[in-house]
PDB file of all heavy atoms in Angstrom:
ATOM      1  N   ILE A   1       5.467 -12.552   3.779  1.00  0.00           N
ATOM      2  CA  ILE A   1       5.238 -11.115   3.682  1.00  0.00           C
ATOM      3  C   ILE A   1       4.418 -10.803   2.433  1.00  0.00           C
ATOM      4  O   ILE A   1       3.423 -10.071   2.483  1.00  0.00           O
ATOM      5  CB  ILE A   1       6.578 -10.342   3.647  1.00  0.00           C
ATOM      6  CG1 ILE A   1       7.219 -10.339   5.033  1.00  0.00           C
ATOM      7  CG2 ILE A   1       6.355  -8.900   3.172  1.00  0.00           C
ATOM      8  CD1 ILE A   1       8.582  -9.679   5.073  1.00  0.00           C
ATOM      9  N   VAL A   2       4.836 -11.372   1.298  1.00  0.00           N
ATOM     10  CA  VAL A   2       4.116 -11.151   0.040  1.00  0.00           C
ATOM     11  C   VAL A   2       2.691 -11.669   0.141  1.00  0.00           C
ATOM     12  O   VAL A   2       1.738 -10.986  -0.264  1.00  0.00           O
ATOM     13  CB  VAL A   2       4.847 -11.841  -1.131  1.00  0.00           C
ATOM     14  CG1 VAL A   2       3.998 -11.794  -2.398  1.00  0.00           C
ATOM     15  CG2 VAL A   2       6.193 -11.180  -1.381  1.00  0.00           C
ATOM     16  N   LYS A   3       2.532 -12.862   0.697  1.00  0.00           N
ATOM     17  CA  LYS A   3       1.194 -13.448   0.832  1.00  0.00           C
ATOM     18  C   LYS A   3       0.318 -12.580   1.734  1.00  0.00           C
ATOM     19  O   LYS A   3      -0.869 -12.353   1.443  1.00  0.00           O
ATOM     20  CB  LYS A   3       1.294 -14.866   1.387  1.00  0.00           C
ATOM     21  CG  LYS A   3      -0.021 -15.630   1.342  1.00  0.00           C
ATOM     22  CD  LYS A   3       0.176 -17.082   1.787  1.00  0.00           C
ATOM     23  CE  LYS A   3      -1.140 -17.848   1.714  1.00  0.00           C
ATOM     24  NZ  LYS A   3      -0.980 -19.255   2.168  1.00  0.00           N
ATOM     25  N   GLY A   4       0.911 -12.086   2.825  1.00  0.00           N
ATOM     26  CA  GLY A   4       0.162 -11.224   3.733  1.00  0.00           C
ATOM     27  C   GLY A   4      -0.312  -9.952   3.050  1.00  0.00           C
ATOM     28  O   GLY A   4      -1.447  -9.516   3.239  1.00  0.00           O
ATOM     29  N   LEU A   5       0.545  -9.348   2.239  1.00  0.00           N
ATOM     30  CA  LEU A   5       0.180  -8.128   1.521  1.00  0.00           C
ATOM     31  C   LEU A   5      -0.928  -8.390   0.505  1.00  0.00           C
ATOM     32  O   LEU A   5      -1.883  -7.611   0.385  1.00  0.00           O
ATOM     33  CB  LEU A   5       1.402  -7.540   0.812  1.00  0.00           C
ATOM     34  CG  LEU A   5       2.525  -6.986   1.696  1.00  0.00           C
ATOM     35  CD1 LEU A   5       3.704  -6.552   0.833  1.00  0.00           C
ATOM     36  CD2 LEU A   5       2.030  -5.822   2.547  1.00  0.00           C
ATOM     37  N   LEU A   6      -0.794  -9.493  -0.232  1.00  0.00           N
ATOM     38  CA  LEU A   6      -1.746  -9.780  -1.299  1.00  0.00           C
ATOM     39  C   LEU A   6      -3.111 -10.224  -0.770  1.00  0.00           C
ATOM     40  O   LEU A   6      -4.139  -9.980  -1.404  1.00  0.00           O
ATOM     41  CB  LEU A   6      -1.181 -10.847  -2.239  1.00  0.00           C
ATOM     42  CG  LEU A   6       0.088 -10.471  -3.011  1.00  0.00           C
ATOM     43  CD1 LEU A   6       0.543 -11.622  -3.901  1.00  0.00           C
ATOM     44  CD2 LEU A   6      -0.146  -9.220  -3.855  1.00  0.00           C
ATOM     45  N   LEU A   7      -3.125 -10.891   0.376  1.00  0.00           N
ATOM     46  CA  LEU A   7      -4.381 -11.397   0.932  1.00  0.00           C
ATOM     47  C   LEU A   7      -5.064 -10.406   1.865  1.00  0.00           C
ATOM     48  O   LEU A   7      -6.162 -10.668   2.349  1.00  0.00           O
ATOM     49  CB  LEU A   7      -4.134 -12.713   1.671  1.00  0.00           C
ATOM     50  CG  LEU A   7      -3.711 -13.908   0.813  1.00  0.00           C
ATOM     51  CD1 LEU A   7      -3.519 -15.148   1.683  1.00  0.00           C
ATOM     52  CD2 LEU A   7      -4.749 -14.188  -0.268  1.00  0.00           C
ATOM     53  N   CYS A   8      -4.401  -9.285   2.121  1.00  0.00           N
ATOM     54  CA  CYS A   8      -4.965  -8.291   3.031  1.00  0.00           C
ATOM     55  C   CYS A   8      -6.252  -7.715   2.453  1.00  0.00           C
ATOM     56  O   CYS A   8      -6.298  -7.285   1.298  1.00  0.00           O
ATOM     57  CB  CYS A   8      -3.949  -7.175   3.279  1.00  0.00           C
ATOM     58  SG  CYS A   8      -4.573  -5.867   4.363  1.00  0.00           S
ATOM     59  N   LYS A   9      -7.298  -7.692   3.258  1.00  0.00           N
ATOM     60  CA  LYS A   9      -8.574  -7.113   2.862  1.00  0.00           C
ATOM     61  C   LYS A   9      -8.850  -5.897   3.740  1.00  0.00           C
ATOM     62  O   LYS A   9      -8.976  -6.011   4.956  1.00  0.00           O
ATOM     63  CB  LYS A   9      -9.709  -8.131   3.009  1.00  0.00           C
ATOM     64  CG  LYS A   9      -9.606  -9.318   2.050  1.00  0.00           C
ATOM     65  CD  LYS A   9     -10.767 -10.274   2.227  1.00  0.00           C
ATOM     66  CE  LYS A   9     -10.673 -11.451   1.258  1.00  0.00           C
ATOM     67  NZ  LYS A   9     -11.814 -12.399   1.439  1.00  0.00           N
ATOM     68  N   TRP A  10      -8.932  -4.737   3.119  1.00  0.00           N
ATOM     69  CA  TRP A  10      -9.201  -3.502   3.860  1.00  0.00           C
ATOM     70  C   TRP A  10     -10.213  -2.688   3.060  1.00  0.00           C
ATOM     71  O   TRP A  10      -9.864  -1.807   2.284  1.00  0.00           O
ATOM     72  CB  TRP A  10      -7.894  -2.742   4.065  1.00  0.00           C
ATOM     73  CG  TRP A  10      -7.958  -1.659   5.101  1.00  0.00           C
ATOM     74  CD1 TRP A  10      -7.528  -0.372   4.953  1.00  0.00           C
ATOM     75  CD2 TRP A  10      -8.461  -1.758   6.439  1.00  0.00           C
ATOM     76  NE1 TRP A  10      -7.734   0.332   6.120  1.00  0.00           N
ATOM     77  CE2 TRP A  10      -8.307  -0.489   7.043  1.00  0.00           C
ATOM     78  CE3 TRP A  10      -9.046  -2.792   7.185  1.00  0.00           C
ATOM     79  CZ2 TRP A  10      -8.700  -0.233   8.348  1.00  0.00           C
ATOM     80  CZ3 TRP A  10      -9.444  -2.533   8.488  1.00  0.00           C
ATOM     81  CH2 TRP A  10      -9.258  -1.273   9.051  1.00  0.00           C
ATOM     82  N   PRO A  11     -11.508  -3.012   3.236  1.00  0.00           N
ATOM     83  CA  PRO A  11     -12.561  -2.408   2.412  1.00  0.00           C
ATOM     84  C   PRO A  11     -12.638  -0.893   2.550  1.00  0.00           C
ATOM     85  O   PRO A  11     -12.289  -0.325   3.586  1.00  0.00           O
ATOM     86  CB  PRO A  11     -13.837  -3.066   2.952  1.00  0.00           C
ATOM     87  CG  PRO A  11     -13.379  -4.275   3.688  1.00  0.00           C
ATOM     88  CD  PRO A  11     -12.040  -3.948   4.230  1.00  0.00           C
ATOM     89  N   GLY A  12     -13.110  -0.262   1.491  1.00  0.00           N
ATOM     90  CA  GLY A  12     -13.396   1.159   1.543  1.00  0.00           C
ATOM     91  C   GLY A  12     -12.229   2.073   1.307  1.00  0.00           C
ATOM     92  O   GLY A  12     -12.366   3.295   1.325  1.00  0.00           O
ATOM     93  N   ARG A  13     -11.045   1.487   1.103  1.00  0.00           N
ATOM     94  CA  ARG A  13      -9.864   2.287   0.835  1.00  0.00           C
ATOM     95  C   ARG A  13      -9.315   1.846  -0.518  1.00  0.00           C
ATOM     96  O   ARG A  13      -8.735   0.776  -0.642  1.00  0.00           O
ATOM     97  CB  ARG A  13      -8.800   2.100   1.902  1.00  0.00           C
ATOM     98  CG  ARG A  13      -9.139   2.709   3.260  1.00  0.00           C
ATOM     99  CD  ARG A  13     -10.055   1.844   4.087  1.00  0.00           C
ATOM    100  NE  ARG A  13     -10.186   2.316   5.460  1.00  0.00           N
ATOM    101  CZ  ARG A  13     -10.973   1.731   6.362  1.00  0.00           C
ATOM    102  NH1 ARG A  13     -11.725   0.686   6.025  1.00  0.00           N
ATOM    103  NH2 ARG A  13     -11.022   2.207   7.593  1.00  0.00           N
ATOM    104  N   MET A  14      -9.551   2.679  -1.531  1.00  0.00           N
ATOM    105  CA  MET A  14      -9.155   2.350  -2.896  1.00  0.00           C
ATOM    106  C   MET A  14      -9.616   0.939  -3.278  1.00  0.00           C
ATOM    107  O   MET A  14      -8.845   0.103  -3.735  1.00  0.00           O
ATOM    108  CB  MET A  14      -7.634   2.492  -3.069  1.00  0.00           C
ATOM    109  CG  MET A  14      -7.159   3.916  -2.898  1.00  0.00           C
ATOM    110  SD  MET A  14      -5.413   4.156  -3.288  1.00  0.00           S
ATOM    111  CE  MET A  14      -5.266   5.953  -3.029  1.00  0.00           C
ATOM    112  N   GLN A  15     -10.898   0.690  -3.072  1.00  0.00           N
ATOM    113  CA  GLN A  15     -11.495  -0.621  -3.323  1.00  0.00           C
ATOM    114  C   GLN A  15     -12.331  -0.599  -4.596  1.00  0.00           C
ATOM    115  O   GLN A  15     -13.131   0.314  -4.820  1.00  0.00           O
ATOM    116  CB  GLN A  15     -12.390  -1.035  -2.148  1.00  0.00           C
ATOM    117  CG  GLN A  15     -13.094  -2.365  -2.356  1.00  0.00           C
ATOM    118  CD  GLN A  15     -14.182  -2.632  -1.326  1.00  0.00           C
ATOM    119  OE1 GLN A  15     -14.432  -1.811  -0.445  1.00  0.00           O
ATOM    120  NE2 GLN A  15     -14.837  -3.778  -1.436  1.00  0.00           N
ATOM    121  N   CYS A  16     -12.155  -1.618  -5.412  1.00  0.00           N
ATOM    122  CA  CYS A  16     -12.986  -1.801  -6.612  1.00  0.00           C
ATOM    123  C   CYS A  16     -14.008  -2.896  -6.335  1.00  0.00           C
ATOM    124  O   CYS A  16     -13.663  -3.947  -5.789  1.00  0.00           O
ATOM    125  CB  CYS A  16     -12.127  -2.187  -7.818  1.00  0.00           C
ATOM    126  SG  CYS A  16     -10.890  -0.970  -8.260  1.00  0.00           S
ATOM    127  N   LEU A  17     -15.251  -2.658  -6.710  1.00  0.00           N
ATOM    128  CA  LEU A  17     -16.320  -3.622  -6.472  1.00  0.00           C
ATOM    129  C   LEU A  17     -17.226  -3.657  -7.702  1.00  0.00           C
ATOM    130  O   LEU A  17     -17.840  -2.659  -8.064  1.00  0.00           O
ATOM    131  CB  LEU A  17     -17.117  -3.203  -5.228  1.00  0.00           C
ATOM    132  CG  LEU A  17     -18.084  -4.211  -4.617  1.00  0.00           C
ATOM    133  CD1 LEU A  17     -17.341  -5.459  -4.143  1.00  0.00           C
ATOM    134  CD2 LEU A  17     -18.823  -3.576  -3.440  1.00  0.00           C
ATOM    135  N   ARG A  18     -17.292  -4.818  -8.362  1.00  0.00           N
ATOM    136  CA  ARG A  18     -18.100  -4.966  -9.577  1.00  0.00           C
ATOM    137  C   ARG A  18     -19.516  -5.384  -9.215  1.00  0.00           C
ATOM    138  O   ARG A  18     -19.714  -6.307  -8.430  1.00  0.00           O
ATOM    139  CB  ARG A  18     -17.485  -6.014 -10.513  1.00  0.00           C
ATOM    140  CG  ARG A  18     -15.979  -5.866 -10.723  1.00  0.00           C
ATOM    141  CD  ARG A  18     -15.607  -4.571 -11.404  1.00  0.00           C
ATOM    142  NE  ARG A  18     -14.151  -4.430 -11.514  1.00  0.00           N
ATOM    143  CZ  ARG A  18     -13.544  -3.354 -11.964  1.00  0.00           C
ATOM    144  NH1 ARG A  18     -14.253  -2.317 -12.371  1.00  0.00           N
ATOM    145  NH2 ARG A  18     -12.217  -3.286 -12.013  1.00  0.00           N
ATOM    146  N   SER A  19     -20.502  -4.696  -9.794  1.00  0.00           N
ATOM    147  CA  SER A  19     -21.904  -5.029  -9.513  1.00  0.00           C
ATOM    148  C   SER A  19     -22.693  -5.056 -10.809  1.00  0.00           C
ATOM    149  O   SER A  19     -22.176  -4.734 -11.885  1.00  0.00           O
ATOM    150  CB  SER A  19     -22.501  -3.986  -8.558  1.00  0.00           C
ATOM    151  OG  SER A  19     -22.866  -2.823  -9.271  1.00  0.00           O
ATOM    152  N   SER A  20     -23.970  -5.388 -10.704  1.00  0.00           N
ATOM    153  CA  SER A  20     -24.824  -5.468 -11.896  1.00  0.00           C
ATOM    154  C   SER A  20     -25.148  -4.085 -12.457  1.00  0.00           C
ATOM    155  O   SER A  20     -25.564  -3.961 -13.605  1.00  0.00           O
ATOM    156  CB  SER A  20     -26.124  -6.206 -11.553  1.00  0.00           C
ATOM    157  OG  SER A  20     -26.855  -5.491 -10.572  1.00  0.00           O
ATOM    158  N   ILE A  21     -24.976  -3.039 -11.656  1.00  0.00           N
ATOM    159  CA  ILE A  21     -25.297  -1.694 -12.149  1.00  0.00           C
ATOM    160  C   ILE A  21     -24.036  -0.915 -12.521  1.00  0.00           C
ATOM    161  O   ILE A  21     -24.119   0.258 -12.910  1.00  0.00           O
ATOM    162  CB  ILE A  21     -26.114  -0.890 -11.120  1.00  0.00           C
ATOM    163  CG1 ILE A  21     -25.311  -0.628  -9.843  1.00  0.00           C
ATOM    164  CG2 ILE A  21     -27.413  -1.589 -10.812  1.00  0.00           C
ATOM    165  CD1 ILE A  21     -26.016   0.317  -8.870  1.00  0.00           C
ATOM    166  N   GLY A  22     -22.887  -1.538 -12.408  1.00  0.00           N
ATOM    167  CA  GLY A  22     -21.651  -0.868 -12.784  1.00  0.00           C
ATOM    168  C   GLY A  22     -20.502  -1.212 -11.866  1.00  0.00           C
ATOM    169  O   GLY A  22     -20.627  -2.058 -10.972  1.00  0.00           O
ATOM    170  N   SER A  23     -19.383  -0.562 -12.076  1.00  0.00           N
ATOM    171  CA  SER A  23     -18.194  -0.766 -11.256  1.00  0.00           C
ATOM    172  C   SER A  23     -18.105   0.344 -10.215  1.00  0.00           C
ATOM    173  O   SER A  23     -18.127   1.524 -10.559  1.00  0.00           O
ATOM    174  CB  SER A  23     -16.930  -0.754 -12.126  1.00  0.00           C
ATOM    175  OG  SER A  23     -16.956  -1.813 -13.055  1.00  0.00           O
ATOM    176  N   PHE A  24     -18.021  -0.070  -8.949  1.00  0.00           N
ATOM    177  CA  PHE A  24     -17.895   0.890  -7.857  1.00  0.00           C
ATOM    178  C   PHE A  24     -16.426   1.066  -7.487  1.00  0.00           C
ATOM    179  O   PHE A  24     -15.676   0.094  -7.379  1.00  0.00           O
ATOM    180  CB  PHE A  24     -18.680   0.421  -6.633  1.00  0.00           C
ATOM    181  CG  PHE A  24     -20.166   0.628  -6.752  1.00  0.00           C
ATOM    182  CD1 PHE A  24     -20.958  -0.319  -7.380  1.00  0.00           C
ATOM    183  CD2 PHE A  24     -20.771   1.771  -6.237  1.00  0.00           C
ATOM    184  CE1 PHE A  24     -22.324  -0.147  -7.502  1.00  0.00           C
ATOM    185  CE2 PHE A  24     -22.133   1.958  -6.355  1.00  0.00           C
ATOM    186  CZ  PHE A  24     -22.920   1.007  -6.986  1.00  0.00           C
ATOM    187  N   PHE A  25     -16.058   2.318  -7.268  1.00  0.00           N
ATOM    188  CA  PHE A  25     -14.710   2.642  -6.816  1.00  0.00           C
ATOM    189  C   PHE A  25     -14.873   3.403  -5.506  1.00  0.00           C
ATOM    190  O   PHE A  25     -15.368   4.536  -5.488  1.00  0.00           O
ATOM    191  CB  PHE A  25     -13.986   3.481  -7.869  1.00  0.00           C
ATOM    192  CG  PHE A  25     -13.899   2.780  -9.200  1.00  0.00           C
ATOM    193  CD1 PHE A  25     -14.907   2.937 -10.148  1.00  0.00           C
ATOM    194  CD2 PHE A  25     -12.838   1.936  -9.498  1.00  0.00           C
ATOM    195  CE1 PHE A  25     -14.852   2.271 -11.370  1.00  0.00           C
ATOM    196  CE2 PHE A  25     -12.771   1.265 -10.713  1.00  0.00           C
ATOM    197  CZ  PHE A  25     -13.776   1.429 -11.650  1.00  0.00           C
ATOM    198  N   LEU A  26     -14.489   2.747  -4.416  1.00  0.00           N
ATOM    199  CA  LEU A  26     -14.783   3.279  -3.087  1.00  0.00           C
ATOM    200  C   LEU A  26     -13.497   3.711  -2.382  1.00  0.00           C
ATOM    201  O   LEU A  26     -12.577   2.903  -2.211  1.00  0.00           O
ATOM    202  CB  LEU A  26     -15.510   2.236  -2.243  1.00  0.00           C
ATOM    203  CG  LEU A  26     -16.793   1.651  -2.851  1.00  0.00           C
ATOM    204  CD1 LEU A  26     -16.551   0.215  -3.275  1.00  0.00           C
ATOM    205  CD2 LEU A  26     -17.944   1.720  -1.879  1.00  0.00           C
ATOM    206  N   ASP A  27     -13.464   4.968  -1.969  1.00  0.00           N
ATOM    207  CA  ASP A  27     -12.313   5.466  -1.220  1.00  0.00           C
ATOM    208  C   ASP A  27     -12.779   6.578  -0.282  1.00  0.00           C
ATOM    209  O   ASP A  27     -13.368   7.566  -0.730  1.00  0.00           O
ATOM    210  CB  ASP A  27     -11.229   5.992  -2.166  1.00  0.00           C
ATOM    211  CG  ASP A  27      -9.952   6.334  -1.428  1.00  0.00           C
ATOM    212  OD1 ASP A  27      -9.401   5.436  -0.770  1.00  0.00           O
ATOM    213  OD2 ASP A  27      -9.514   7.490  -1.496  1.00  0.00           O
ATOM    214  N   GLY A  28     -12.507   6.409   0.983  1.00  0.00           N
ATOM    215  CA  GLY A  28     -13.000   7.359   1.986  1.00  0.00           C
ATOM    216  C   GLY A  28     -12.172   8.613   2.111  1.00  0.00           C
ATOM    217  O   GLY A  28     -12.005   9.139   3.220  1.00  0.00           O
ATOM    218  N   ALA A  29     -11.644   9.127   1.021  1.00  0.00           N
ATOM    219  CA  ALA A  29     -10.807  10.333   1.051  1.00  0.00           C
ATOM    220  C   ALA A  29     -11.585  11.506   1.635  1.00  0.00           C
ATOM    221  O   ALA A  29     -12.687  11.803   1.187  1.00  0.00           O
ATOM    222  CB  ALA A  29     -10.328  10.657  -0.364  1.00  0.00           C
ATOM    223  N   HIS A  30     -10.988  12.181   2.630  1.00  0.00           N
ATOM    224  CA  HIS A  30     -11.683  13.304   3.256  1.00  0.00           C
ATOM    225  C   HIS A  30     -10.764  14.500   3.515  1.00  0.00           C
ATOM    226  O   HIS A  30     -11.161  15.442   4.208  1.00  0.00           O
ATOM    227  CB  HIS A  30     -12.342  12.851   4.566  1.00  0.00           C
ATOM    228  CG  HIS A  30     -11.387  12.243   5.546  1.00  0.00           C
ATOM    229  ND1 HIS A  30     -11.092  10.896   5.549  1.00  0.00           N
ATOM    230  CD2 HIS A  30     -10.657  12.798   6.525  1.00  0.00           C
ATOM    231  CE1 HIS A  30     -10.217  10.648   6.506  1.00  0.00           C
ATOM    232  NE2 HIS A  30      -9.932  11.783   7.108  1.00  0.00           N
ATOM    233  N   THR A  31      -9.542  14.456   2.990  1.00  0.00           N
ATOM    234  CA  THR A  31      -8.652  15.612   3.040  1.00  0.00           C
ATOM    235  C   THR A  31      -8.249  15.969   1.605  1.00  0.00           C
ATOM    236  O   THR A  31      -8.441  15.171   0.684  1.00  0.00           O
ATOM    237  CB  THR A  31      -7.381  15.317   3.855  1.00  0.00           C
ATOM    238  OG1 THR A  31      -6.593  14.324   3.180  1.00  0.00           O
ATOM    239  CG2 THR A  31      -7.732  14.817   5.253  1.00  0.00           C
ATOM    240  N   ILE A  32      -7.674  17.149   1.421  1.00  0.00           N
ATOM    241  CA  ILE A  32      -7.269  17.571   0.080  1.00  0.00           C
ATOM    242  C   ILE A  32      -6.246  16.603  -0.502  1.00  0.00           C
ATOM    243  O   ILE A  32      -6.345  16.174  -1.655  1.00  0.00           O
ATOM    244  CB  ILE A  32      -6.689  19.005   0.126  1.00  0.00           C
ATOM    245  CG1 ILE A  32      -7.757  19.988   0.579  1.00  0.00           C
ATOM    246  CG2 ILE A  32      -6.145  19.404  -1.245  1.00  0.00           C
ATOM    247  CD1 ILE A  32      -7.243  21.390   0.823  1.00  0.00           C
ATOM    248  N   GLU A  33      -5.258  16.243   0.330  1.00  0.00           N
ATOM    249  CA  GLU A  33      -4.198  15.347  -0.153  1.00  0.00           C
ATOM    250  C   GLU A  33      -4.739  13.964  -0.490  1.00  0.00           C
ATOM    251  O   GLU A  33      -4.390  13.374  -1.520  1.00  0.00           O
ATOM    252  CB  GLU A  33      -3.078  15.232   0.900  1.00  0.00           C
ATOM    253  CG  GLU A  33      -2.298  16.509   1.137  1.00  0.00           C
ATOM    254  CD  GLU A  33      -3.007  17.478   2.082  1.00  0.00           C
ATOM    255  OE1 GLU A  33      -4.027  17.079   2.698  1.00  0.00           O
ATOM    256  OE2 GLU A  33      -2.566  18.630   2.188  1.00  0.00           O
ATOM    257  N   SER A  34      -5.601  13.425   0.383  1.00  0.00           N
ATOM    258  CA  SER A  34      -6.147  12.098   0.116  1.00  0.00           C
ATOM    259  C   SER A  34      -7.093  12.118  -1.082  1.00  0.00           C
ATOM    260  O   SER A  34      -7.182  11.139  -1.826  1.00  0.00           O
ATOM    261  CB  SER A  34      -6.860  11.541   1.352  1.00  0.00           C
ATOM    262  OG  SER A  34      -7.914  12.386   1.757  1.00  0.00           O
ATOM    263  N   MET A  35      -7.778  13.248  -1.310  1.00  0.00           N
ATOM    264  CA  MET A  35      -8.652  13.346  -2.473  1.00  0.00           C
ATOM    265  C   MET A  35      -7.829  13.375  -3.757  1.00  0.00           C
ATOM    266  O   MET A  35      -8.223  12.791  -4.779  1.00  0.00           O
ATOM    267  CB  MET A  35      -9.535  14.595  -2.376  1.00  0.00           C
ATOM    268  CG  MET A  35     -10.564  14.704  -3.496  1.00  0.00           C
ATOM    269  SD  MET A  35     -11.685  13.267  -3.566  1.00  0.00           S
ATOM    270  CE  MET A  35     -12.707  13.571  -2.114  1.00  0.00           C
ATOM    271  N   GLU A  36      -6.684  14.042  -3.727  1.00  0.00           N
ATOM    272  CA  GLU A  36      -5.792  14.051  -4.891  1.00  0.00           C
ATOM    273  C   GLU A  36      -5.334  12.634  -5.220  1.00  0.00           C
ATOM    274  O   GLU A  36      -5.288  12.237  -6.393  1.00  0.00           O
ATOM    275  CB  GLU A  36      -4.595  14.959  -4.620  1.00  0.00           C
ATOM    276  CG  GLU A  36      -4.943  16.444  -4.586  1.00  0.00           C
ATOM    277  CD  GLU A  36      -3.780  17.313  -4.140  1.00  0.00           C
ATOM    278  OE1 GLU A  36      -2.751  16.744  -3.707  1.00  0.00           O
ATOM    279  OE2 GLU A  36      -3.902  18.554  -4.216  1.00  0.00           O
ATOM    280  N   SER A  37      -5.002  11.867  -4.183  1.00  0.00           N
ATOM    281  CA  SER A  37      -4.596  10.468  -4.383  1.00  0.00           C
ATOM    282  C   SER A  37      -5.754   9.647  -4.923  1.00  0.00           C
ATOM    283  O   SER A  37      -5.582   8.792  -5.800  1.00  0.00           O
ATOM    284  CB  SER A  37      -4.095   9.867  -3.068  1.00  0.00           C
ATOM    285  OG  SER A  37      -2.968  10.554  -2.589  1.00  0.00           O
ATOM    286  N   CYS A  38      -6.962   9.910  -4.395  1.00  0.00           N
ATOM    287  CA  CYS A  38      -8.160   9.197  -4.839  1.00  0.00           C
ATOM    288  C   CYS A  38      -8.422   9.448  -6.323  1.00  0.00           C
ATOM    289  O   CYS A  38      -8.716   8.510  -7.079  1.00  0.00           O
ATOM    290  CB  CYS A  38      -9.359   9.629  -3.994  1.00  0.00           C
ATOM    291  SG  CYS A  38     -10.952   9.005  -4.562  1.00  0.00           S
ATOM    292  N   ILE A  39      -8.321  10.694  -6.740  1.00  0.00           N
ATOM    293  CA  ILE A  39      -8.569  11.049  -8.142  1.00  0.00           C
ATOM    294  C   ILE A  39      -7.556  10.373  -9.056  1.00  0.00           C
ATOM    295  O   ILE A  39      -7.907   9.823 -10.106  1.00  0.00           O
ATOM    296  CB  ILE A  39      -8.533  12.579  -8.313  1.00  0.00           C
ATOM    297  CG1 ILE A  39      -9.758  13.208  -7.628  1.00  0.00           C
ATOM    298  CG2 ILE A  39      -8.501  12.967  -9.792  1.00  0.00           C
ATOM    299  CD1 ILE A  39      -9.712  14.712  -7.541  1.00  0.00           C
ATOM    300  N   SER A  40      -6.296  10.397  -8.637  1.00  0.00           N
ATOM    301  CA  SER A  40      -5.235   9.756  -9.427  1.00  0.00           C
ATOM    302  C   SER A  40      -5.494   8.258  -9.561  1.00  0.00           C
ATOM    303  O   SER A  40      -5.357   7.675 -10.647  1.00  0.00           O
ATOM    304  CB  SER A  40      -3.881  10.002  -8.764  1.00  0.00           C
ATOM    305  OG  SER A  40      -2.854   9.315  -9.447  1.00  0.00           O
ATOM    306  N   TRP A  41      -5.910   7.646  -8.454  1.00  0.00           N
ATOM    307  CA  TRP A  41      -6.221   6.196  -8.460  1.00  0.00           C
ATOM    308  C   TRP A  41      -7.426   5.897  -9.348  1.00  0.00           C
ATOM    309  O   TRP A  41      -7.402   4.950 -10.138  1.00  0.00           O
ATOM    310  CB  TRP A  41      -6.489   5.754  -7.023  1.00  0.00           C
ATOM    311  CG  TRP A  41      -7.167   4.426  -6.894  1.00  0.00           C
ATOM    312  CD1 TRP A  41      -6.624   3.194  -7.090  1.00  0.00           C
ATOM    313  CD2 TRP A  41      -8.546   4.205  -6.538  1.00  0.00           C
ATOM    314  NE1 TRP A  41      -7.572   2.215  -6.877  1.00  0.00           N
ATOM    315  CE2 TRP A  41      -8.748   2.803  -6.545  1.00  0.00           C
ATOM    316  CE3 TRP A  41      -9.605   5.044  -6.218  1.00  0.00           C
ATOM    317  CZ2 TRP A  41      -9.989   2.239  -6.232  1.00  0.00           C
ATOM    318  CZ3 TRP A  41     -10.834   4.486  -5.904  1.00  0.00           C
ATOM    319  CH2 TRP A  41     -11.014   3.096  -5.910  1.00  0.00           C
ATOM    320  N   PHE A  42      -8.467   6.716  -9.236  1.00  0.00           N
ATOM    321  CA  PHE A  42      -9.681   6.494 -10.020  1.00  0.00           C
ATOM    322  C   PHE A  42      -9.389   6.578 -11.521  1.00  0.00           C
ATOM    323  O   PHE A  42      -9.858   5.752 -12.309  1.00  0.00           O
ATOM    324  CB  PHE A  42     -10.742   7.516  -9.627  1.00  0.00           C
ATOM    325  CG  PHE A  42     -12.020   7.404 -10.412  1.00  0.00           C
ATOM    326  CD1 PHE A  42     -12.861   6.312 -10.254  1.00  0.00           C
ATOM    327  CD2 PHE A  42     -12.378   8.400 -11.315  1.00  0.00           C
ATOM    328  CE1 PHE A  42     -14.041   6.207 -10.969  1.00  0.00           C
ATOM    329  CE2 PHE A  42     -13.557   8.302 -12.042  1.00  0.00           C
ATOM    330  CZ  PHE A  42     -14.389   7.208 -11.868  1.00  0.00           C
TER     331      PHE A  42
END
């Protein structure tokens, strides 16, 4: 169970991605509640 949780890859949902131009923080929040969660996470 732990291994499954840790190895799970679900891009675009609270995802951090490091690049040469900076750190990307990607989250497809599109409701008020999900945007609040996105801001808190960011």
